[in-house]
Amino acid sequence: MHHLDNTAKILNLRDQLPNYSIVATEQYLGISGLDCSISAYGWPDNRICFENKGDRAYTVKCFGPQGTVDARKELEFLLASIGVDLTALHS
């Protein structure tokens, strides 16, 4: 994955998730709230980490250099699960 900062801007994450801390660079997207956190690391790792702070479950999925599409799908799934409207990505 590349340009995670642009993804955050397109989705307007700061407005969609006002109670979350958001850090976005070209190769990293970090979203942290009271109930969960998401960390996405871009190419070549294409790694997604999700923490459910309520039940203290922590999941790491590594897709590797060839897994950009799958990593992007996983990131979109997790963003949607915390209430992010993804319409702007697909219009």
PDB file of N, CA and C in Angstrom:
ATOM      1  N   MET A   1       0.851  -1.175   0.000  1.00  0.00           N
ATOM      2  CA  MET A   1       0.000   0.000   0.000  1.00  0.00           C
ATOM      3  C   MET A   1       0.888   1.225   0.000  1.00  0.00           C
ATOM      4  N   HIS A   2       0.446   2.219  -0.691  1.00  0.00           N
ATOM      5  CA  HIS A   2       1.163   3.481  -0.764  1.00  0.00           C
ATOM      6  C   HIS A   2       0.179   4.623  -0.478  1.00  0.00           C
ATOM      7  N   HIS A   3       0.710   5.757  -0.150  1.00  0.00           N
ATOM      8  CA  HIS A   3      -0.069   6.986  -0.006  1.00  0.00           C
ATOM      9  C   HIS A   3      -1.204   6.855   1.003  1.00  0.00           C
ATOM     10  N   LEU A   4      -0.877   6.288   2.152  1.00  0.00           N
ATOM     11  CA  LEU A   4      -1.891   6.160   3.198  1.00  0.00           C
ATOM     12  C   LEU A   4      -2.340   7.524   3.713  1.00  0.00           C
ATOM     13  N   ASP A   5      -1.458   8.526   3.605  1.00  0.00           N
ATOM     14  CA  ASP A   5      -1.853   9.875   3.994  1.00  0.00           C
ATOM     15  C   ASP A   5      -2.946  10.407   3.072  1.00  0.00           C
ATOM     16  N   ASN A   6      -2.852  10.089   1.776  1.00  0.00           N
ATOM     17  CA  ASN A   6      -3.899  10.506   0.842  1.00  0.00           C
ATOM     18  C   ASN A   6      -5.213   9.787   1.126  1.00  0.00           C
ATOM     19  N   THR A   7      -5.124   8.527   1.492  1.00  0.00           N
ATOM     20  CA  THR A   7      -6.325   7.770   1.854  1.00  0.00           C
ATOM     21  C   THR A   7      -7.024   8.437   3.035  1.00  0.00           C
ATOM     22  N   ALA A   8      -6.244   8.839   4.036  1.00  0.00           N
ATOM     23  CA  ALA A   8      -6.824   9.513   5.207  1.00  0.00           C
ATOM     24  C   ALA A   8      -7.485  10.830   4.813  1.00  0.00           C
ATOM     25  N   LYS A   9      -6.874  11.563   3.886  1.00  0.00           N
ATOM     26  CA  LYS A   9      -7.451  12.839   3.430  1.00  0.00           C
ATOM     27  C   LYS A   9      -8.722  12.613   2.623  1.00  0.00           C
ATOM     28  N   ILE A  10      -8.676  11.658   1.683  1.00  0.00           N
ATOM     29  CA  ILE A  10      -9.849  11.378   0.846  1.00  0.00           C
ATOM     30  C   ILE A  10     -11.040  10.974   1.700  1.00  0.00           C
ATOM     31  N   LEU A  11     -10.780  10.139   2.692  1.00  0.00           N
ATOM     32  CA  LEU A  11     -11.859   9.678   3.573  1.00  0.00           C
ATOM     33  C   LEU A  11     -12.229  10.695   4.644  1.00  0.00           C
ATOM     34  N   ASN A  12     -11.417  11.742   4.767  1.00  0.00           N
ATOM     35  CA  ASN A  12     -11.667  12.766   5.779  1.00  0.00           C
ATOM     36  C   ASN A  12     -11.787  12.119   7.166  1.00  0.00           C
ATOM     37  N   LEU A  13     -10.799  11.293   7.492  1.00  0.00           N
ATOM     38  CA  LEU A  13     -10.848  10.498   8.719  1.00  0.00           C
ATOM     39  C   LEU A  13     -10.945  11.338   9.981  1.00  0.00           C
ATOM     40  N   ARG A  14     -10.299  12.492   9.993  1.00  0.00           N
ATOM     41  CA  ARG A  14     -10.341  13.314  11.204  1.00  0.00           C
ATOM     42  C   ARG A  14     -11.774  13.775  11.520  1.00  0.00           C
ATOM     43  N   ASP A  15     -12.563  14.028  10.470  1.00  0.00           N
ATOM     44  CA  ASP A  15     -13.960  14.421  10.694  1.00  0.00           C
ATOM     45  C   ASP A  15     -14.851  13.210  10.937  1.00  0.00           C
ATOM     46  N   GLN A  16     -14.571  12.103  10.247  1.00  0.00           N
ATOM     47  CA  GLN A  16     -15.401  10.912  10.418  1.00  0.00           C
ATOM     48  C   GLN A  16     -15.169  10.239  11.771  1.00  0.00           C
ATOM     49  N   LEU A  17     -13.955  10.383  12.310  1.00  0.00           N
ATOM     50  CA  LEU A  17     -13.601   9.752  13.591  1.00  0.00           C
ATOM     51  C   LEU A  17     -13.092  10.814  14.569  1.00  0.00           C
ATOM     52  N   PRO A  18     -13.968  11.717  14.997  1.00  0.00           N
ATOM     53  CA  PRO A  18     -13.514  12.844  15.825  1.00  0.00           C
ATOM     54  C   PRO A  18     -12.938  12.449  17.183  1.00  0.00           C
ATOM     55  N   ASN A  19     -13.304  11.292  17.701  1.00  0.00           N
ATOM     56  CA  ASN A  19     -12.818  10.876  19.016  1.00  0.00           C
ATOM     57  C   ASN A  19     -11.623   9.946  18.942  1.00  0.00           C
ATOM     58  N   TYR A  20     -10.996   9.879  17.770  1.00  0.00           N
ATOM     59  CA  TYR A  20      -9.833   9.024  17.570  1.00  0.00           C
ATOM     60  C   TYR A  20      -8.602   9.875  17.295  1.00  0.00           C
ATOM     61  N   SER A  21      -7.460   9.374  17.693  1.00  0.00           N
ATOM     62  CA  SER A  21      -6.187   9.985  17.336  1.00  0.00           C
ATOM     63  C   SER A  21      -5.762   9.369  16.002  1.00  0.00           C
ATOM     64  N   ILE A  22      -5.391  10.207  15.038  1.00  0.00           N
ATOM     65  CA  ILE A  22      -5.055   9.724  13.702  1.00  0.00           C
ATOM     66  C   ILE A  22      -3.698  10.265  13.288  1.00  0.00           C
ATOM     67  N   VAL A  23      -2.815   9.358  12.869  1.00  0.00           N
ATOM     68  CA  VAL A  23      -1.499   9.715  12.339  1.00  0.00           C
ATOM     69  C   VAL A  23      -1.401   9.086  10.962  1.00  0.00           C
ATOM     70  N   ALA A  24      -1.101   9.907   9.959  1.00  0.00           N
ATOM     71  CA  ALA A  24      -1.032   9.383   8.590  1.00  0.00           C
ATOM     72  C   ALA A  24       0.203   9.920   7.876  1.00  0.00           C
ATOM     73  N   THR A  25       0.990   8.989   7.354  1.00  0.00           N
ATOM     74  CA  THR A  25       2.116   9.340   6.488  1.00  0.00           C
ATOM     75  C   THR A  25       1.961   8.515   5.211  1.00  0.00           C
ATOM     76  N   GLU A  26       2.893   8.658   4.308  1.00  0.00           N
ATOM     77  CA  GLU A  26       2.801   7.913   3.056  1.00  0.00           C
ATOM     78  C   GLU A  26       2.777   6.403   3.281  1.00  0.00           C
ATOM     79  N   GLN A  27       3.524   5.922   4.288  1.00  0.00           N
ATOM     80  CA  GLN A  27       3.664   4.487   4.509  1.00  0.00           C
ATOM     81  C   GLN A  27       3.039   3.986   5.821  1.00  0.00           C
ATOM     82  N   TYR A  28       2.336   4.845   6.544  1.00  0.00           N
ATOM     83  CA  TYR A  28       1.775   4.427   7.831  1.00  0.00           C
ATOM     84  C   TYR A  28       0.455   5.138   8.085  1.00  0.00           C
ATOM     85  N   LEU A  29      -0.508   4.402   8.620  1.00  0.00           N
ATOM     86  CA  LEU A  29      -1.760   4.976   9.075  1.00  0.00           C
ATOM     87  C   LEU A  29      -2.058   4.398  10.448  1.00  0.00           C
ATOM     88  N   GLY A  30      -2.150   5.262  11.437  1.00  0.00           N
ATOM     89  CA  GLY A  30      -2.464   4.835  12.792  1.00  0.00           C
ATOM     90  C   GLY A  30      -3.736   5.506  13.272  1.00  0.00           C
ATOM     91  N   ILE A  31      -4.653   4.714  13.780  1.00  0.00           N
ATOM     92  CA  ILE A  31      -5.929   5.208  14.289  1.00  0.00           C
ATOM     93  C   ILE A  31      -6.113   4.594  15.672  1.00  0.00           C
ATOM     94  N   SER A  32      -6.292   5.445  16.669  1.00  0.00           N
ATOM     95  CA  SER A  32      -6.427   4.931  18.031  1.00  0.00           C
ATOM     96  C   SER A  32      -7.581   5.630  18.743  1.00  0.00           C
ATOM     97  N   GLY A  33      -8.462   4.813  19.309  1.00  0.00           N
ATOM     98  CA  GLY A  33      -9.586   5.328  20.074  1.00  0.00           C
ATOM     99  C   GLY A  33      -9.677   4.609  21.407  1.00  0.00           C
ATOM    100  N   LEU A  34     -10.730   4.882  22.145  1.00  0.00           N
ATOM    101  CA  LEU A  34     -10.905   4.251  23.444  1.00  0.00           C
ATOM    102  C   LEU A  34     -11.175   2.762  23.330  1.00  0.00           C
ATOM    103  N   ASP A  35     -11.843   2.346  22.252  1.00  0.00           N
ATOM    104  CA  ASP A  35     -12.254   0.946  22.133  1.00  0.00           C
ATOM    105  C   ASP A  35     -11.386   0.101  21.213  1.00  0.00           C
ATOM    106  N   CYS A  36     -10.672   0.727  20.282  1.00  0.00           N
ATOM    107  CA  CYS A  36      -9.850  -0.056  19.355  1.00  0.00           C
ATOM    108  C   CYS A  36      -8.752   0.806  18.744  1.00  0.00           C
ATOM    109  N   SER A  37      -7.812   0.129  18.104  1.00  0.00           N
ATOM    110  CA  SER A  37      -6.784   0.829  17.337  1.00  0.00           C
ATOM    111  C   SER A  37      -6.453   0.015  16.088  1.00  0.00           C
ATOM    112  N   ILE A  38      -6.098   0.734  15.038  1.00  0.00           N
ATOM    113  CA  ILE A  38      -5.696   0.141  13.769  1.00  0.00           C
ATOM    114  C   ILE A  38      -4.365   0.747  13.380  1.00  0.00           C
ATOM    115  N   SER A  39      -3.428  -0.093  13.006  1.00  0.00           N
ATOM    116  CA  SER A  39      -2.149   0.366  12.466  1.00  0.00           C
ATOM    117  C   SER A  39      -1.954  -0.313  11.122  1.00  0.00           C
ATOM    118  N   ALA A  40      -1.700   0.481  10.097  1.00  0.00           N
ATOM    119  CA  ALA A  40      -1.468  -0.056   8.752  1.00  0.00           C
ATOM    120  C   ALA A  40      -0.091   0.392   8.288  1.00  0.00           C
ATOM    121  N   TYR A  41       0.696  -0.571   7.891  1.00  0.00           N
ATOM    122  CA  TYR A  41       2.050  -0.305   7.407  1.00  0.00           C
ATOM    123  C   TYR A  41       2.087  -0.619   5.928  1.00  0.00           C
ATOM    124  N   GLY A  42       2.577   0.318   5.125  1.00  0.00           N
ATOM    125  CA  GLY A  42       2.582   0.172   3.679  1.00  0.00           C
ATOM    126  C   GLY A  42       3.648  -0.769   3.159  1.00  0.00           C
ATOM    127  N   TRP A  43       3.816  -0.695   1.860  1.00  0.00           N
ATOM    128  CA  TRP A  43       4.755  -1.552   1.147  1.00  0.00           C
ATOM    129  C   TRP A  43       6.164  -1.334   1.686  1.00  0.00           C
ATOM    130  N   PRO A  44       7.004  -2.339   1.871  1.00  0.00           N
ATOM    131  CA  PRO A  44       6.820  -3.714   1.414  1.00  0.00           C
ATOM    132  C   PRO A  44       6.125  -4.618   2.424  1.00  0.00           C
ATOM    133  N   ASP A  45       5.886  -4.141   3.639  1.00  0.00           N
ATOM    134  CA  ASP A  45       5.286  -4.999   4.663  1.00  0.00           C
ATOM    135  C   ASP A  45       3.819  -5.315   4.391  1.00  0.00           C
ATOM    136  N   ASN A  46       3.067  -4.280   3.995  1.00  0.00           N
ATOM    137  CA  ASN A  46       1.619  -4.442   3.829  1.00  0.00           C
ATOM    138  C   ASN A  46       1.047  -5.201   5.019  1.00  0.00           C
ATOM    139  N   ARG A  47       1.252  -4.610   6.195  1.00  0.00           N
ATOM    140  CA  ARG A  47       0.861  -5.248   7.457  1.00  0.00           C
ATOM    141  C   ARG A  47      -0.245  -4.431   8.119  1.00  0.00           C
ATOM    142  N   ILE A  48      -1.247  -5.127   8.644  1.00  0.00           N
ATOM    143  CA  ILE A  48      -2.364  -4.488   9.329  1.00  0.00           C
ATOM    144  C   ILE A  48      -2.445  -5.058  10.747  1.00  0.00           C
ATOM    145  N   CYS A  49      -2.478  -4.177  11.731  1.00  0.00           N
ATOM    146  CA  CYS A  49      -2.624  -4.586  13.127  1.00  0.00           C
ATOM    147  C   CYS A  49      -3.935  -3.994  13.658  1.00  0.00           C
ATOM    148  N   PHE A  50      -4.697  -4.819  14.343  1.00  0.00           N
ATOM    149  CA  PHE A  50      -5.958  -4.373  14.919  1.00  0.00           C
ATOM    150  C   PHE A  50      -6.009  -4.798  16.380  1.00  0.00           C
ATOM    151  N   GLU A  51      -6.331  -3.837  17.231  1.00  0.00           N
ATOM    152  CA  GLU A  51      -6.458  -4.135  18.659  1.00  0.00           C
ATOM    153  C   GLU A  51      -7.861  -3.769  19.121  1.00  0.00           C
ATOM    154  N   ASN A  52      -8.559  -4.743  19.685  1.00  0.00           N
ATOM    155  CA  ASN A  52      -9.828  -4.508  20.333  1.00  0.00           C
ATOM    156  C   ASN A  52      -9.518  -4.326  21.811  1.00  0.00           C
ATOM    157  N   LYS A  53      -9.582  -3.091  22.280  1.00  0.00           N
ATOM    158  CA  LYS A  53      -9.169  -2.799  23.642  1.00  0.00           C
ATOM    159  C   LYS A  53     -10.147  -3.325  24.682  1.00  0.00           C
ATOM    160  N   GLY A  54     -11.403  -3.569  24.272  1.00  0.00           N
ATOM    161  CA  GLY A  54     -12.399  -4.083  25.209  1.00  0.00           C
ATOM    162  C   GLY A  54     -12.085  -5.490  25.677  1.00  0.00           C
ATOM    163  N   ASP A  55     -11.761  -6.367  24.735  1.00  0.00           N
ATOM    164  CA  ASP A  55     -11.446  -7.745  25.126  1.00  0.00           C
ATOM    165  C   ASP A  55      -9.958  -8.062  24.993  1.00  0.00           C
ATOM    166  N   ARG A  56      -9.176  -7.034  24.757  1.00  0.00           N
ATOM    167  CA  ARG A  56      -7.712  -7.134  24.685  1.00  0.00           C
ATOM    168  C   ARG A  56      -7.234  -8.112  23.613  1.00  0.00           C
ATOM    169  N   ALA A  57      -7.998  -8.218  22.537  1.00  0.00           N
ATOM    170  CA  ALA A  57      -7.595  -9.075  21.412  1.00  0.00           C
ATOM    171  C   ALA A  57      -6.727  -8.250  20.462  1.00  0.00           C
ATOM    172  N   TYR A  58      -5.669  -8.849  19.984  1.00  0.00           N
ATOM    173  CA  TYR A  58      -4.731  -8.168  19.092  1.00  0.00           C
ATOM    174  C   TYR A  58      -4.472  -9.080  17.893  1.00  0.00           C
ATOM    175  N   THR A  59      -4.716  -8.559  16.708  1.00  0.00           N
ATOM    176  CA  THR A  59      -4.549  -9.339  15.487  1.00  0.00           C
ATOM    177  C   THR A  59      -3.557  -8.644  14.568  1.00  0.00           C
ATOM    178  N   VAL A  60      -2.642  -9.413  13.999  1.00  0.00           N
ATOM    179  CA  VAL A  60      -1.679  -8.894  13.022  1.00  0.00           C
ATOM    180  C   VAL A  60      -1.812  -9.728  11.762  1.00  0.00           C
ATOM    181  N   LYS A  61      -1.996  -9.054  10.642  1.00  0.00           N
ATOM    182  CA  LYS A  61      -2.038  -9.745   9.350  1.00  0.00           C
ATOM    183  C   LYS A  61      -0.949  -9.150   8.472  1.00  0.00           C
ATOM    184  N   CYS A  62      -0.050 -10.006   8.010  1.00  0.00           N
ATOM    185  CA  CYS A  62       1.053  -9.591   7.134  1.00  0.00           C
ATOM    186  C   CYS A  62       0.775 -10.120   5.740  1.00  0.00           C
ATOM    187  N   PHE A  63       0.757  -9.224   4.767  1.00  0.00           N
ATOM    188  CA  PHE A  63       0.445  -9.610   3.401  1.00  0.00           C
ATOM    189  C   PHE A  63       1.676  -9.635   2.497  1.00  0.00           C
ATOM    190  N   GLY A  64       2.776  -9.046   2.932  1.00  0.00           N
ATOM    191  CA  GLY A  64       4.024  -9.070   2.168  1.00  0.00           C
ATOM    192  C   GLY A  64       3.993  -8.175   0.939  1.00  0.00           C
ATOM    193  N   PRO A  65       5.111  -8.137   0.217  1.00  0.00           N
ATOM    194  CA  PRO A  65       5.255  -7.228  -0.923  1.00  0.00           C
ATOM    195  C   PRO A  65       4.237  -7.448  -2.047  1.00  0.00           C
ATOM    196  N   GLN A  66       3.737  -8.654  -2.208  1.00  0.00           N
ATOM    197  CA  GLN A  66       2.785  -8.945  -3.277  1.00  0.00           C
ATOM    198  C   GLN A  66       1.331  -8.828  -2.814  1.00  0.00           C
ATOM    199  N   GLY A  67       1.116  -8.456  -1.562  1.00  0.00           N
ATOM    200  CA  GLY A  67      -0.233  -8.463  -0.999  1.00  0.00           C
ATOM    201  C   GLY A  67      -0.902  -7.117  -0.884  1.00  0.00           C
ATOM    202  N   THR A  68      -0.547  -6.179  -1.729  1.00  0.00           N
ATOM    203  CA  THR A  68      -1.095  -4.830  -1.631  1.00  0.00           C
ATOM    204  C   THR A  68      -2.615  -4.815  -1.732  1.00  0.00           C
ATOM    205  N   VAL A  69      -3.175  -5.522  -2.693  1.00  0.00           N
ATOM    206  CA  VAL A  69      -4.629  -5.517  -2.895  1.00  0.00           C
ATOM    207  C   VAL A  69      -5.338  -6.125  -1.688  1.00  0.00           C
ATOM    208  N   ASP A  70      -4.846  -7.257  -1.202  1.00  0.00           N
ATOM    209  CA  ASP A  70      -5.465  -7.893  -0.041  1.00  0.00           C
ATOM    210  C   ASP A  70      -5.341  -7.034   1.213  1.00  0.00           C
ATOM    211  N   ALA A  71      -4.204  -6.382   1.381  1.00  0.00           N
ATOM    212  CA  ALA A  71      -4.008  -5.495   2.537  1.00  0.00           C
ATOM    213  C   ALA A  71      -4.965  -4.315   2.477  1.00  0.00           C
ATOM    214  N   ARG A  72      -5.143  -3.760   1.296  1.00  0.00           N
ATOM    215  CA  ARG A  72      -6.067  -2.631   1.126  1.00  0.00           C
ATOM    216  C   ARG A  72      -7.494  -3.071   1.456  1.00  0.00           C
ATOM    217  N   LYS A  73      -7.892  -4.261   1.014  1.00  0.00           N
ATOM    218  CA  LYS A  73      -9.228  -4.778   1.324  1.00  0.00           C
ATOM    219  C   LYS A  73      -9.416  -4.962   2.829  1.00  0.00           C
ATOM    220  N   GLU A  74      -8.397  -5.490   3.492  1.00  0.00           N
ATOM    221  CA  GLU A  74      -8.473  -5.683   4.946  1.00  0.00           C
ATOM    222  C   GLU A  74      -8.584  -4.340   5.664  1.00  0.00           C
ATOM    223  N   LEU A  75      -7.796  -3.357   5.224  1.00  0.00           N
ATOM    224  CA  LEU A  75      -7.863  -2.026   5.834  1.00  0.00           C
ATOM    225  C   LEU A  75      -9.251  -1.433   5.649  1.00  0.00           C
ATOM    226  N   GLU A  76      -9.806  -1.533   4.454  1.00  0.00           N
ATOM    227  CA  GLU A  76     -11.144  -1.006   4.211  1.00  0.00           C
ATOM    228  C   GLU A  76     -12.188  -1.721   5.071  1.00  0.00           C
ATOM    229  N   PHE A  77     -12.058  -3.028   5.217  1.00  0.00           N
ATOM    230  CA  PHE A  77     -12.978  -3.786   6.070  1.00  0.00           C
ATOM    231  C   PHE A  77     -12.927  -3.275   7.510  1.00  0.00           C
ATOM    232  N   LEU A  78     -11.717  -3.073   8.032  1.00  0.00           N
ATOM    233  CA  LEU A  78     -11.574  -2.604   9.416  1.00  0.00           C
ATOM    234  C   LEU A  78     -12.079  -1.177   9.581  1.00  0.00           C
ATOM    235  N   LEU A  79     -11.798  -0.319   8.603  1.00  0.00           N
ATOM    236  CA  LEU A  79     -12.301   1.054   8.681  1.00  0.00           C
ATOM    237  C   LEU A  79     -13.831   1.060   8.692  1.00  0.00           C
ATOM    238  N   ALA A  80     -14.439   0.265   7.831  1.00  0.00           N
ATOM    239  CA  ALA A  80     -15.902   0.182   7.801  1.00  0.00           C
ATOM    240  C   ALA A  80     -16.446  -0.350   9.124  1.00  0.00           C
ATOM    241  N   SER A  81     -15.716  -1.278   9.750  1.00  0.00           N
ATOM    242  CA  SER A  81     -16.187  -1.864  11.005  1.00  0.00           C
ATOM    243  C   SER A  81     -16.209  -0.865  12.157  1.00  0.00           C
ATOM    244  N   ILE A  82     -15.433   0.216  12.046  1.00  0.00           N
ATOM    245  CA  ILE A  82     -15.469   1.241  13.098  1.00  0.00           C
ATOM    246  C   ILE A  82     -16.299   2.454  12.674  1.00  0.00           C
ATOM    247  N   GLY A  83     -17.012   2.311  11.551  1.00  0.00           N
ATOM    248  CA  GLY A  83     -17.974   3.343  11.161  1.00  0.00           C
ATOM    249  C   GLY A  83     -17.527   4.326  10.100  1.00  0.00           C
ATOM    250  N   VAL A  84     -16.423   4.058   9.418  1.00  0.00           N
ATOM    251  CA  VAL A  84     -15.954   4.974   8.380  1.00  0.00           C
ATOM    252  C   VAL A  84     -16.746   4.734   7.091  1.00  0.00           C
ATOM    253  N   ASP A  85     -17.248   5.812   6.509  1.00  0.00           N
ATOM    254  CA  ASP A  85     -17.927   5.747   5.219  1.00  0.00           C
ATOM    255  C   ASP A  85     -16.858   5.739   4.123  1.00  0.00           C
ATOM    256  N   LEU A  86     -16.808   4.675   3.342  1.00  0.00           N
ATOM    257  CA  LEU A  86     -15.766   4.492   2.326  1.00  0.00           C
ATOM    258  C   LEU A  86     -16.188   4.978   0.944  1.00  0.00           C
ATOM    259  N   THR A  87     -17.333   5.618   0.814  1.00  0.00           N
ATOM    260  CA  THR A  87     -17.856   6.025  -0.475  1.00  0.00           C
ATOM    261  C   THR A  87     -16.848   6.848  -1.273  1.00  0.00           C
ATOM    262  N   ALA A  88     -16.132   7.745  -0.646  1.00  0.00           N
ATOM    263  CA  ALA A  88     -15.197   8.630  -1.350  1.00  0.00           C
ATOM    264  C   ALA A  88     -14.055   7.858  -2.017  1.00  0.00           C
ATOM    265  N   LEU A  89     -13.716   6.682  -1.503  1.00  0.00           N
ATOM    266  CA  LEU A  89     -12.650   5.880  -2.114  1.00  0.00           C
ATOM    267  C   LEU A  89     -13.078   5.258  -3.427  1.00  0.00           C
ATOM    268  N   HIS A  90     -14.362   5.023  -3.572  1.00  0.00           N
ATOM    269  CA  HIS A  90     -14.855   4.266  -4.717  1.00  0.00           C
ATOM    270  C   HIS A  90     -15.699   5.091  -5.662  1.00  0.00           C
ATOM    271  N   SER A  91     -15.588   6.407  -5.569  1.00  0.00           N
ATOM    272  CA  SER A  91     -16.381   7.250  -6.476  1.00  0.00           C
ATOM    273  C   SER A  91     -15.516   7.906  -7.520  1.00  0.00           C
TER     274      SER A  91
END
